[in-house]
Amino acid sequence: IGRLVVGLSPHTSVGVVGRIVGFTKASVCYAHPFWHAAKRRDCDGDEDSVSLLLDVLLNFSREFMPDRIGGLMDAPLLLSPLLNPSEVARQALNIETIAQLPVEFYEKTWQGAHPSEVESLVPTLNKSLGEDHWSIGFTHPTEDLDRGRLISSYKELPTMLDKVKEQLKLADQIVAVNAADVAVKVLSTHILRDLVGNLRTFTSQRVRCMNCGSKPRRVPLGGVCHRCGGKLVATVFRMGVEKYLDVATEMVDRYQIRPYYHQRLDLIKLELSETFRPPPEEKVQQKLLISEFA
């Protein structure tokens, strides 16, 4: 306890310095919301890395850095020793600072009031940033943080497809959530983009030699590895391209989403069918055998 650490999220390149104040049995990193926001995280179950500060400083060397931008973005190229609350994501400031919600707030919930109507009843960190001293209250005290669930169901689900299905299932159960809006956001920001991106990757993929592992930029005209003559295999497969197609079709049909998403999904299906068109069957020539009529 008291040691300095560096928190780093994938694809950010910037580590944020923090201090250990305790330990938990839960498979989670409890920290101030601003610290998570400084790492460009939303506290939504994604995994980050935490390293001791001296480990990051002493064992860092550009000689061990990956040669691709994706690997470089996962390394702590920069460190942020100080955290300025005014520079973190705005959504991290939408946290109430009081320890007890007023009765008027609950009365507004029965009326179905818009959130903007209760902003004056529930002060948030947005109004406290200019002050010299501020704190975050909590409405539900507990004696032990480990009494609750120790591992998130988001982490237990094996594939992203399972996570999407459970997210939609939860949206159907929560009255305050419009499941159709959730489906639209998942489609527009994740699934449809992945389908198009995976198809583009498939059509521009590089092949790999099964013997020496080389990856030529273009498929050799001879159809074999130009180094060792080994067999060439693909690196991107049809199953990986179409993995979200079924769930996308189910979402569009189930939630009666706007025609735009129906049409866009139909265009993607058409392009997939053209790309993975089965080879034409060879016509079997019928031969007249004289012996059969002799």
C-alpha atoms as a PDB file:
ATOM      1  CA  ILE A   1       0.000   0.000   0.000  1.00  0.00           C
ATOM      2  CA  GLY A   2       1.271   3.449  -0.913  1.00  0.00           C
ATOM      3  CA  ARG A   3       3.303   2.337  -3.934  1.00  0.00           C
ATOM      4  CA  LEU A   4       3.009   4.277  -7.176  1.00  0.00           C
ATOM      5  CA  VAL A   5       1.609   2.460 -10.191  1.00  0.00           C
ATOM      6  CA  VAL A   6       0.897   3.218 -13.838  1.00  0.00           C
ATOM      7  CA  GLY A   7      -2.488   2.422 -15.336  1.00  0.00           C
ATOM      8  CA  LEU A   8      -2.651   1.925 -19.094  1.00  0.00           C
ATOM      9  CA  SER A   9      -5.593   1.182 -21.367  1.00  0.00           C
ATOM     10  CA  PRO A  10      -5.189  -0.547 -24.749  1.00  0.00           C
ATOM     11  CA  HIS A  11      -4.454   1.642 -27.782  1.00  0.00           C
ATOM     12  CA  THR A  12      -3.818   4.853 -25.822  1.00  0.00           C
ATOM     13  CA  SER A  13       0.016   5.045 -25.422  1.00  0.00           C
ATOM     14  CA  VAL A  14      -0.346   7.208 -22.287  1.00  0.00           C
ATOM     15  CA  GLY A  15      -0.057   5.776 -18.779  1.00  0.00           C
ATOM     16  CA  VAL A  16      -1.622   7.511 -15.773  1.00  0.00           C
ATOM     17  CA  VAL A  17       0.191   7.471 -12.430  1.00  0.00           C
ATOM     18  CA  GLY A  18      -1.782   6.375  -9.366  1.00  0.00           C
ATOM     19  CA  ARG A  19      -1.208   5.146  -5.828  1.00  0.00           C
ATOM     20  CA  ILE A  20      -2.275   1.856  -4.235  1.00  0.00           C
ATOM     21  CA  VAL A  21      -4.604   2.443  -1.276  1.00  0.00           C
ATOM     22  CA  GLY A  22      -5.806  -1.127  -0.701  1.00  0.00           C
ATOM     23  CA  PHE A  23      -6.554  -4.536  -2.151  1.00  0.00           C
ATOM     24  CA  THR A  24      -9.724  -6.431  -3.035  1.00  0.00           C
ATOM     25  CA  LYS A  25     -10.667 -10.017  -3.812  1.00  0.00           C
ATOM     26  CA  ALA A  26     -12.812  -8.858  -6.711  1.00  0.00           C
ATOM     27  CA  SER A  27     -11.505  -9.160 -10.253  1.00  0.00           C
ATOM     28  CA  VAL A  28     -11.641  -5.412 -10.729  1.00  0.00           C
ATOM     29  CA  CYS A  29      -9.597  -2.256 -10.273  1.00  0.00           C
ATOM     30  CA  TYR A  30     -11.402   0.108  -7.899  1.00  0.00           C
ATOM     31  CA  ALA A  31     -10.263   3.675  -8.493  1.00  0.00           C
ATOM     32  CA  HIS A  32     -11.497   7.236  -8.634  1.00  0.00           C
ATOM     33  CA  PRO A  33     -13.742   7.856 -11.676  1.00  0.00           C
ATOM     34  CA  PHE A  34     -11.367  10.599 -12.807  1.00  0.00           C
ATOM     35  CA  TRP A  35      -8.449   8.147 -12.849  1.00  0.00           C
ATOM     36  CA  HIS A  36     -10.370   5.755 -15.081  1.00  0.00           C
ATOM     37  CA  ALA A  37     -11.481   8.658 -17.276  1.00  0.00           C
ATOM     38  CA  ALA A  38      -7.874   9.833 -17.586  1.00  0.00           C
ATOM     39  CA  LYS A  39      -7.051   6.384 -18.999  1.00  0.00           C
ATOM     40  CA  ARG A  40      -9.830   6.909 -21.569  1.00  0.00           C
ATOM     41  CA  ARG A  41     -12.020   4.300 -19.916  1.00  0.00           C
ATOM     42  CA  ASP A  42     -15.744   4.270 -19.080  1.00  0.00           C
ATOM     43  CA  CYS A  43     -15.724   1.735 -16.209  1.00  0.00           C
ATOM     44  CA  ASP A  44     -17.644  -0.630 -18.501  1.00  0.00           C
ATOM     45  CA  GLY A  45     -15.813  -3.888 -17.846  1.00  0.00           C
ATOM     46  CA  ASP A  46     -12.934  -3.615 -20.313  1.00  0.00           C
ATOM     47  CA  GLU A  47      -9.532  -4.771 -19.140  1.00  0.00           C
ATOM     48  CA  ASP A  48      -6.575  -2.477 -18.475  1.00  0.00           C
ATOM     49  CA  SER A  49      -3.061  -3.018 -17.184  1.00  0.00           C
ATOM     50  CA  VAL A  50      -1.514  -1.816 -13.923  1.00  0.00           C
ATOM     51  CA  SER A  51       2.280  -1.826 -13.493  1.00  0.00           C
ATOM     52  CA  LEU A  52       4.613  -0.602 -10.784  1.00  0.00           C
ATOM     53  CA  LEU A  53       6.048   2.787 -11.698  1.00  0.00           C
ATOM     54  CA  LEU A  54       9.697   1.709 -11.413  1.00  0.00           C
ATOM     55  CA  ASP A  55       8.990  -1.340 -13.558  1.00  0.00           C
ATOM     56  CA  VAL A  56       7.727   0.917 -16.339  1.00  0.00           C
ATOM     57  CA  LEU A  57      10.694   3.291 -16.049  1.00  0.00           C
ATOM     58  CA  LEU A  58      13.543   0.778 -15.626  1.00  0.00           C
ATOM     59  CA  ASN A  59      12.395  -1.863 -18.113  1.00  0.00           C
ATOM     60  CA  PHE A  60      11.346   0.485 -20.901  1.00  0.00           C
ATOM     61  CA  SER A  61      13.421   0.352 -24.077  1.00  0.00           C
ATOM     62  CA  ARG A  62      12.584   1.255 -27.652  1.00  0.00           C
ATOM     63  CA  GLU A  63      14.626  -1.752 -28.777  1.00  0.00           C
ATOM     64  CA  PHE A  64      11.837  -4.002 -27.529  1.00  0.00           C
ATOM     65  CA  MET A  65       9.033  -1.941 -29.036  1.00  0.00           C
ATOM     66  CA  PRO A  66       6.866  -3.577 -31.734  1.00  0.00           C
ATOM     67  CA  ASP A  67       7.344  -2.365 -35.287  1.00  0.00           C
ATOM     68  CA  ARG A  68       3.607  -1.872 -35.869  1.00  0.00           C
ATOM     69  CA  ILE A  69       1.487   1.034 -34.707  1.00  0.00           C
ATOM     70  CA  GLY A  70      -0.974  -1.290 -32.963  1.00  0.00           C
ATOM     71  CA  GLY A  71       1.734  -2.629 -30.669  1.00  0.00           C
ATOM     72  CA  LEU A  72       3.189   0.807 -30.021  1.00  0.00           C
ATOM     73  CA  MET A  73      -0.197   2.085 -28.875  1.00  0.00           C
ATOM     74  CA  ASP A  74      -0.251  -0.576 -26.146  1.00  0.00           C
ATOM     75  CA  ALA A  75       3.064   0.586 -24.663  1.00  0.00           C
ATOM     76  CA  PRO A  76       3.448   3.436 -22.113  1.00  0.00           C
ATOM     77  CA  LEU A  77       5.251   5.841 -24.433  1.00  0.00           C
ATOM     78  CA  LEU A  78       4.106   8.791 -22.300  1.00  0.00           C
ATOM     79  CA  LEU A  79       3.257   9.175 -18.608  1.00  0.00           C
ATOM     80  CA  SER A  80       0.755  11.530 -17.025  1.00  0.00           C
ATOM     81  CA  PRO A  81       1.932  12.158 -13.428  1.00  0.00           C
ATOM     82  CA  LEU A  82      -0.757  14.751 -12.651  1.00  0.00           C
ATOM     83  CA  LEU A  83      -4.493  14.524 -13.234  1.00  0.00           C
ATOM     84  CA  ASN A  84      -6.417  17.650 -14.161  1.00  0.00           C
ATOM     85  CA  PRO A  85     -10.175  17.069 -13.606  1.00  0.00           C
ATOM     86  CA  SER A  86     -11.063  19.704 -16.187  1.00  0.00           C
ATOM     87  CA  GLU A  87      -9.314  17.674 -18.910  1.00  0.00           C
ATOM     88  CA  VAL A  88     -11.032  14.308 -18.436  1.00  0.00           C
ATOM     89  CA  ALA A  89     -14.064  13.127 -20.388  1.00  0.00           C
ATOM     90  CA  ARG A  90     -17.189  15.150 -19.657  1.00  0.00           C
ATOM     91  CA  GLN A  91     -19.245  12.097 -18.726  1.00  0.00           C
ATOM     92  CA  ALA A  92     -16.975  11.498 -15.721  1.00  0.00           C
ATOM     93  CA  LEU A  93     -18.235  14.782 -14.280  1.00  0.00           C
ATOM     94  CA  ASN A  94     -21.875  13.640 -14.271  1.00  0.00           C
ATOM     95  CA  ILE A  95     -21.503  12.049 -10.836  1.00  0.00           C
ATOM     96  CA  GLU A  96     -23.637  13.232  -7.949  1.00  0.00           C
ATOM     97  CA  THR A  97     -21.749  14.545  -4.931  1.00  0.00           C
ATOM     98  CA  ILE A  98     -24.450  14.217  -2.271  1.00  0.00           C
ATOM     99  CA  ALA A  99     -24.849  11.377   0.216  1.00  0.00           C
ATOM    100  CA  GLN A 100     -28.664  11.336   0.184  1.00  0.00           C
ATOM    101  CA  LEU A 101     -31.096  12.010  -2.636  1.00  0.00           C
ATOM    102  CA  PRO A 102     -33.933  14.414  -1.744  1.00  0.00           C
ATOM    103  CA  VAL A 103     -37.585  13.357  -1.667  1.00  0.00           C
ATOM    104  CA  GLU A 104     -38.348  15.733  -4.546  1.00  0.00           C
ATOM    105  CA  PHE A 105     -36.061  13.672  -6.756  1.00  0.00           C
ATOM    106  CA  TYR A 106     -38.094  10.493  -6.206  1.00  0.00           C
ATOM    107  CA  GLU A 107     -41.329  12.390  -6.786  1.00  0.00           C
ATOM    108  CA  LYS A 108     -39.999  13.547 -10.145  1.00  0.00           C
ATOM    109  CA  THR A 109     -39.210   9.952 -11.106  1.00  0.00           C
ATOM    110  CA  TRP A 110     -42.869   9.012 -10.640  1.00  0.00           C
ATOM    111  CA  GLN A 111     -43.813  11.875 -12.941  1.00  0.00           C
ATOM    112  CA  GLY A 112     -41.374  10.713 -15.618  1.00  0.00           C
ATOM    113  CA  ALA A 113     -39.622  14.078 -15.603  1.00  0.00           C
ATOM    114  CA  HIS A 114     -36.754  14.818 -17.965  1.00  0.00           C
ATOM    115  CA  PRO A 115     -33.265  14.636 -16.367  1.00  0.00           C
ATOM    116  CA  SER A 116     -32.767  18.341 -17.034  1.00  0.00           C
ATOM    117  CA  GLU A 117     -35.636  19.085 -14.620  1.00  0.00           C
ATOM    118  CA  VAL A 118     -33.838  17.517 -11.655  1.00  0.00           C
ATOM    119  CA  GLU A 119     -30.358  18.932 -12.217  1.00  0.00           C
ATOM    120  CA  SER A 120     -30.911  21.512  -9.500  1.00  0.00           C
ATOM    121  CA  LEU A 121     -31.955  18.786  -7.042  1.00  0.00           C
ATOM    122  CA  VAL A 122     -28.906  16.571  -7.571  1.00  0.00           C
ATOM    123  CA  PRO A 123     -25.601  18.492  -7.694  1.00  0.00           C
ATOM    124  CA  THR A 124     -22.828  16.869  -9.716  1.00  0.00           C
ATOM    125  CA  LEU A 125     -19.097  17.318 -10.103  1.00  0.00           C
ATOM    126  CA  ASN A 126     -19.705  19.720 -12.972  1.00  0.00           C
ATOM    127  CA  LYS A 127     -20.604  22.395 -10.427  1.00  0.00           C
ATOM    128  CA  SER A 128     -17.746  21.580  -8.032  1.00  0.00           C
ATOM    129  CA  LEU A 129     -14.715  21.817 -10.313  1.00  0.00           C
ATOM    130  CA  GLY A 130     -14.142  25.516  -9.674  1.00  0.00           C
ATOM    131  CA  GLU A 131     -14.084  25.048  -5.902  1.00  0.00           C
ATOM    132  CA  ASP A 132     -10.930  24.506  -3.871  1.00  0.00           C
ATOM    133  CA  HIS A 133     -12.316  21.513  -1.969  1.00  0.00           C
ATOM    134  CA  TRP A 134     -14.885  19.018  -3.151  1.00  0.00           C
ATOM    135  CA  SER A 135     -15.806  15.415  -2.416  1.00  0.00           C
ATOM    136  CA  ILE A 136     -18.022  12.628  -3.733  1.00  0.00           C
ATOM    137  CA  GLY A 137     -20.659  11.243  -1.399  1.00  0.00           C
ATOM    138  CA  PHE A 138     -22.188   7.774  -1.544  1.00  0.00           C
ATOM    139  CA  THR A 139     -25.823   6.839  -1.020  1.00  0.00           C
ATOM    140  CA  HIS A 140     -25.359   3.168  -0.093  1.00  0.00           C
ATOM    141  CA  PRO A 141     -22.732   2.559   2.617  1.00  0.00           C
ATOM    142  CA  THR A 142     -21.135  -0.860   3.052  1.00  0.00           C
ATOM    143  CA  GLU A 143     -18.688  -2.415   5.477  1.00  0.00           C
ATOM    144  CA  ASP A 144     -16.921  -4.608   2.923  1.00  0.00           C
ATOM    145  CA  LEU A 145     -16.532  -4.045  -0.821  1.00  0.00           C
ATOM    146  CA  ASP A 146     -16.000  -7.781  -1.337  1.00  0.00           C
ATOM    147  CA  ARG A 147     -19.508  -8.702  -0.192  1.00  0.00           C
ATOM    148  CA  GLY A 148     -20.906  -8.155  -3.656  1.00  0.00           C
ATOM    149  CA  ARG A 149     -20.174  -9.920  -6.908  1.00  0.00           C
ATOM    150  CA  LEU A 150     -16.442 -10.552  -7.316  1.00  0.00           C
ATOM    151  CA  ILE A 151     -16.332 -10.921 -11.092  1.00  0.00           C
ATOM    152  CA  SER A 152     -18.291  -9.165 -13.806  1.00  0.00           C
ATOM    153  CA  SER A 153     -20.549 -11.193 -16.077  1.00  0.00           C
ATOM    154  CA  TYR A 154     -19.076  -9.152 -18.940  1.00  0.00           C
ATOM    155  CA  LYS A 155     -15.746 -10.843 -18.235  1.00  0.00           C
ATOM    156  CA  GLU A 156     -17.257 -14.314 -17.854  1.00  0.00           C
ATOM    157  CA  LEU A 157     -18.947 -14.282 -21.264  1.00  0.00           C
ATOM    158  CA  PRO A 158     -16.514 -15.888 -23.725  1.00  0.00           C
ATOM    159  CA  THR A 159     -17.185 -14.013 -26.976  1.00  0.00           C
ATOM    160  CA  MET A 160     -18.250 -10.540 -28.042  1.00  0.00           C
ATOM    161  CA  LEU A 161     -21.325 -12.081 -29.642  1.00  0.00           C
ATOM    162  CA  ASP A 162     -22.444 -13.396 -26.248  1.00  0.00           C
ATOM    163  CA  LYS A 163     -21.842  -9.969 -24.717  1.00  0.00           C
ATOM    164  CA  VAL A 164     -24.046  -8.283 -27.323  1.00  0.00           C
ATOM    165  CA  LYS A 165     -26.868 -10.777 -26.787  1.00  0.00           C
ATOM    166  CA  GLU A 166     -26.768 -10.312 -23.014  1.00  0.00           C
ATOM    167  CA  GLN A 167     -26.696  -6.537 -23.438  1.00  0.00           C
ATOM    168  CA  LEU A 168     -29.871  -6.635 -25.520  1.00  0.00           C
ATOM    169  CA  LYS A 169     -31.488  -9.068 -23.085  1.00  0.00           C
ATOM    170  CA  LEU A 170     -30.771  -6.670 -20.227  1.00  0.00           C
ATOM    171  CA  ALA A 171     -32.108  -3.733 -22.248  1.00  0.00           C
ATOM    172  CA  ASP A 172     -35.395  -5.614 -22.726  1.00  0.00           C
ATOM    173  CA  GLN A 173     -35.738  -6.066 -18.964  1.00  0.00           C
ATOM    174  CA  ILE A 174     -35.001  -2.487 -17.858  1.00  0.00           C
ATOM    175  CA  VAL A 175     -38.033  -0.216 -18.135  1.00  0.00           C
ATOM    176  CA  ALA A 176     -35.948   2.965 -18.310  1.00  0.00           C
ATOM    177  CA  VAL A 177     -34.020   1.710 -21.356  1.00  0.00           C
ATOM    178  CA  ASN A 178     -35.288   1.772 -24.924  1.00  0.00           C
ATOM    179  CA  ALA A 179     -34.033  -1.518 -26.341  1.00  0.00           C
ATOM    180  CA  ALA A 180     -34.492  -0.310 -29.923  1.00  0.00           C
ATOM    181  CA  ASP A 181     -32.154   2.638 -29.288  1.00  0.00           C
ATOM    182  CA  VAL A 182     -29.578   0.278 -27.787  1.00  0.00           C
ATOM    183  CA  ALA A 183     -29.818  -1.958 -30.849  1.00  0.00           C
ATOM    184  CA  VAL A 184     -29.342   1.023 -33.183  1.00  0.00           C
ATOM    185  CA  LYS A 185     -26.246   2.185 -31.302  1.00  0.00           C
ATOM    186  CA  VAL A 186     -24.731  -1.306 -31.258  1.00  0.00           C
ATOM    187  CA  LEU A 187     -25.427  -1.726 -34.965  1.00  0.00           C
ATOM    188  CA  SER A 188     -24.136   1.667 -36.078  1.00  0.00           C
ATOM    189  CA  THR A 189     -21.036   1.853 -33.882  1.00  0.00           C
ATOM    190  CA  HIS A 190     -19.940  -1.771 -33.762  1.00  0.00           C
ATOM    191  CA  ILE A 191     -21.599  -4.587 -35.702  1.00  0.00           C
ATOM    192  CA  LEU A 192     -22.114  -3.043 -39.150  1.00  0.00           C
ATOM    193  CA  ARG A 193     -18.668  -1.461 -39.077  1.00  0.00           C
ATOM    194  CA  ASP A 194     -17.117  -4.796 -38.146  1.00  0.00           C
ATOM    195  CA  LEU A 195     -18.920  -6.596 -40.962  1.00  0.00           C
ATOM    196  CA  VAL A 196     -17.709  -4.086 -43.548  1.00  0.00           C
ATOM    197  CA  GLY A 197     -14.216  -3.890 -42.071  1.00  0.00           C
ATOM    198  CA  ASN A 198     -13.810  -7.660 -41.855  1.00  0.00           C
ATOM    199  CA  LEU A 199     -14.940  -8.039 -45.465  1.00  0.00           C
ATOM    200  CA  ARG A 200     -12.432  -5.402 -46.566  1.00  0.00           C
ATOM    201  CA  THR A 201      -9.705  -7.209 -44.622  1.00  0.00           C
ATOM    202  CA  PHE A 202     -10.682 -10.505 -46.250  1.00  0.00           C
ATOM    203  CA  THR A 203     -10.433  -9.119 -49.785  1.00  0.00           C
ATOM    204  CA  SER A 204      -7.055  -7.477 -49.121  1.00  0.00           C
ATOM    205  CA  GLN A 205      -5.545 -10.172 -46.914  1.00  0.00           C
ATOM    206  CA  ARG A 206      -2.061 -11.608 -47.171  1.00  0.00           C
ATOM    207  CA  VAL A 207      -1.373 -15.313 -47.457  1.00  0.00           C
ATOM    208  CA  ARG A 208       0.975 -17.242 -45.185  1.00  0.00           C
ATOM    209  CA  CYS A 209       3.372 -20.082 -45.917  1.00  0.00           C
ATOM    210  CA  MET A 210       2.738 -23.165 -43.786  1.00  0.00           C
ATOM    211  CA  ASN A 211       6.434 -24.123 -43.842  1.00  0.00           C
ATOM    212  CA  CYS A 212       8.494 -20.984 -43.260  1.00  0.00           C
ATOM    213  CA  GLY A 213       5.739 -18.631 -42.068  1.00  0.00           C
ATOM    214  CA  SER A 214       6.540 -15.873 -44.569  1.00  0.00           C
ATOM    215  CA  LYS A 215       3.741 -13.544 -45.672  1.00  0.00           C
ATOM    216  CA  PRO A 216       4.257 -12.202 -49.199  1.00  0.00           C
ATOM    217  CA  ARG A 217       2.571  -8.913 -50.019  1.00  0.00           C
ATOM    218  CA  ARG A 218       0.927 -10.467 -53.067  1.00  0.00           C
ATOM    219  CA  VAL A 219      -0.002 -14.020 -53.933  1.00  0.00           C
ATOM    220  CA  PRO A 220       2.813 -15.525 -56.043  1.00  0.00           C
ATOM    221  CA  LEU A 221       1.814 -16.463 -59.580  1.00  0.00           C
ATOM    222  CA  GLY A 222       3.097 -19.981 -59.011  1.00  0.00           C
ATOM    223  CA  GLY A 223       0.675 -20.525 -56.146  1.00  0.00           C
ATOM    224  CA  VAL A 224       3.445 -21.637 -53.769  1.00  0.00           C
ATOM    225  CA  CYS A 225       5.853 -19.874 -51.424  1.00  0.00           C
ATOM    226  CA  HIS A 226       8.593 -18.065 -53.343  1.00  0.00           C
ATOM    227  CA  ARG A 227      11.094 -18.817 -50.558  1.00  0.00           C
ATOM    228  CA  CYS A 228      10.676 -22.506 -49.820  1.00  0.00           C
ATOM    229  CA  GLY A 229       7.986 -23.698 -52.223  1.00  0.00           C
ATOM    230  CA  GLY A 230       5.625 -24.468 -49.347  1.00  0.00           C
ATOM    231  CA  LYS A 231       1.839 -24.398 -49.404  1.00  0.00           C
ATOM    232  CA  LEU A 232       0.136 -21.028 -48.982  1.00  0.00           C
ATOM    233  CA  VAL A 233      -2.927 -20.599 -46.775  1.00  0.00           C
ATOM    234  CA  ALA A 234      -5.259 -17.691 -46.071  1.00  0.00           C
ATOM    235  CA  THR A 235      -4.973 -15.557 -42.926  1.00  0.00           C
ATOM    236  CA  VAL A 236      -8.603 -14.342 -42.814  1.00  0.00           C
ATOM    237  CA  PHE A 237     -11.509 -16.763 -43.111  1.00  0.00           C
ATOM    238  CA  ARG A 238     -15.184 -16.566 -43.966  1.00  0.00           C
ATOM    239  CA  MET A 239     -16.325 -17.499 -40.462  1.00  0.00           C
ATOM    240  CA  GLY A 240     -14.520 -14.495 -39.016  1.00  0.00           C
ATOM    241  CA  VAL A 241     -16.087 -12.168 -41.578  1.00  0.00           C
ATOM    242  CA  GLU A 242     -19.685 -13.304 -41.027  1.00  0.00           C
ATOM    243  CA  LYS A 243     -19.591 -13.837 -37.253  1.00  0.00           C
ATOM    244  CA  TYR A 244     -21.951 -10.898 -36.529  1.00  0.00           C
ATOM    245  CA  LEU A 245     -24.293 -11.431 -39.474  1.00  0.00           C
ATOM    246  CA  ASP A 246     -26.889 -13.565 -37.664  1.00  0.00           C
ATOM    247  CA  VAL A 247     -27.138 -11.320 -34.615  1.00  0.00           C
ATOM    248  CA  ALA A 248     -27.387  -8.231 -36.848  1.00  0.00           C
ATOM    249  CA  THR A 249     -30.259  -9.806 -38.787  1.00  0.00           C
ATOM    250  CA  GLU A 250     -32.012 -10.746 -35.552  1.00  0.00           C
ATOM    251  CA  MET A 251     -31.655  -7.215 -34.152  1.00  0.00           C
ATOM    252  CA  VAL A 252     -33.003  -5.557 -37.298  1.00  0.00           C
ATOM    253  CA  ASP A 253     -36.024  -7.874 -37.491  1.00  0.00           C
ATOM    254  CA  ARG A 254     -36.770  -7.999 -33.769  1.00  0.00           C
ATOM    255  CA  TYR A 255     -36.716  -4.302 -32.901  1.00  0.00           C
ATOM    256  CA  GLN A 256     -38.263  -2.945 -36.122  1.00  0.00           C
ATOM    257  CA  ILE A 257     -35.349  -0.582 -36.673  1.00  0.00           C
ATOM    258  CA  ARG A 258     -35.473   2.192 -39.262  1.00  0.00           C
ATOM    259  CA  PRO A 259     -35.422   1.131 -42.949  1.00  0.00           C
ATOM    260  CA  TYR A 260     -31.935   2.604 -43.351  1.00  0.00           C
ATOM    261  CA  TYR A 261     -30.403  -0.200 -41.278  1.00  0.00           C
ATOM    262  CA  HIS A 262     -32.476  -2.822 -43.111  1.00  0.00           C
ATOM    263  CA  GLN A 263     -31.168  -1.572 -46.444  1.00  0.00           C
ATOM    264  CA  ARG A 264     -27.584  -1.263 -45.262  1.00  0.00           C
ATOM    265  CA  LEU A 265     -27.633  -4.799 -43.894  1.00  0.00           C
ATOM    266  CA  ASP A 266     -29.150  -6.067 -47.159  1.00  0.00           C
ATOM    267  CA  LEU A 267     -26.313  -4.421 -49.107  1.00  0.00           C
ATOM    268  CA  ILE A 268     -23.758  -6.061 -46.813  1.00  0.00           C
ATOM    269  CA  LYS A 269     -25.448  -9.444 -47.292  1.00  0.00           C
ATOM    270  CA  LEU A 270     -25.386  -8.943 -51.061  1.00  0.00           C
ATOM    271  CA  GLU A 271     -21.690  -8.126 -51.007  1.00  0.00           C
ATOM    272  CA  LEU A 272     -20.989 -11.140 -48.801  1.00  0.00           C
ATOM    273  CA  SER A 273     -22.931 -13.442 -51.115  1.00  0.00           C
ATOM    274  CA  GLU A 274     -21.007 -12.112 -54.112  1.00  0.00           C
ATOM    275  CA  THR A 275     -17.678 -12.517 -52.334  1.00  0.00           C
ATOM    276  CA  PHE A 276     -18.342 -16.030 -51.068  1.00  0.00           C
ATOM    277  CA  ARG A 277     -20.221 -17.231 -54.131  1.00  0.00           C
ATOM    278  CA  PRO A 278     -19.866 -21.021 -54.463  1.00  0.00           C
ATOM    279  CA  PRO A 279     -17.942 -22.200 -57.530  1.00  0.00           C
ATOM    280  CA  PRO A 280     -20.155 -23.204 -60.463  1.00  0.00           C
ATOM    281  CA  GLU A 281     -20.797 -26.896 -60.743  1.00  0.00           C
ATOM    282  CA  GLU A 282     -19.187 -28.563 -63.713  1.00  0.00           C
ATOM    283  CA  LYS A 283     -21.709 -29.814 -66.189  1.00  0.00           C
ATOM    284  CA  VAL A 284     -21.452 -33.542 -66.626  1.00  0.00           C
ATOM    285  CA  GLN A 285     -21.499 -34.383 -70.289  1.00  0.00           C
ATOM    286  CA  GLN A 286     -23.928 -37.123 -71.112  1.00  0.00           C
ATOM    287  CA  LYS A 287     -22.291 -39.782 -73.185  1.00  0.00           C
ATOM    288  CA  LEU A 288     -24.320 -42.054 -75.367  1.00  0.00           C
ATOM    289  CA  LEU A 289     -23.204 -45.605 -74.821  1.00  0.00           C
ATOM    290  CA  ILE A 290     -24.065 -47.718 -77.826  1.00  0.00           C
ATOM    291  CA  SER A 291     -23.678 -50.851 -75.755  1.00  0.00           C
ATOM    292  CA  GLU A 292     -26.719 -49.928 -73.663  1.00  0.00           C
ATOM    293  CA  PHE A 293     -28.937 -50.115 -76.713  1.00  0.00           C
ATOM    294  CA  ALA A 294     -27.267 -53.027 -78.390  1.00  0.00           C
END
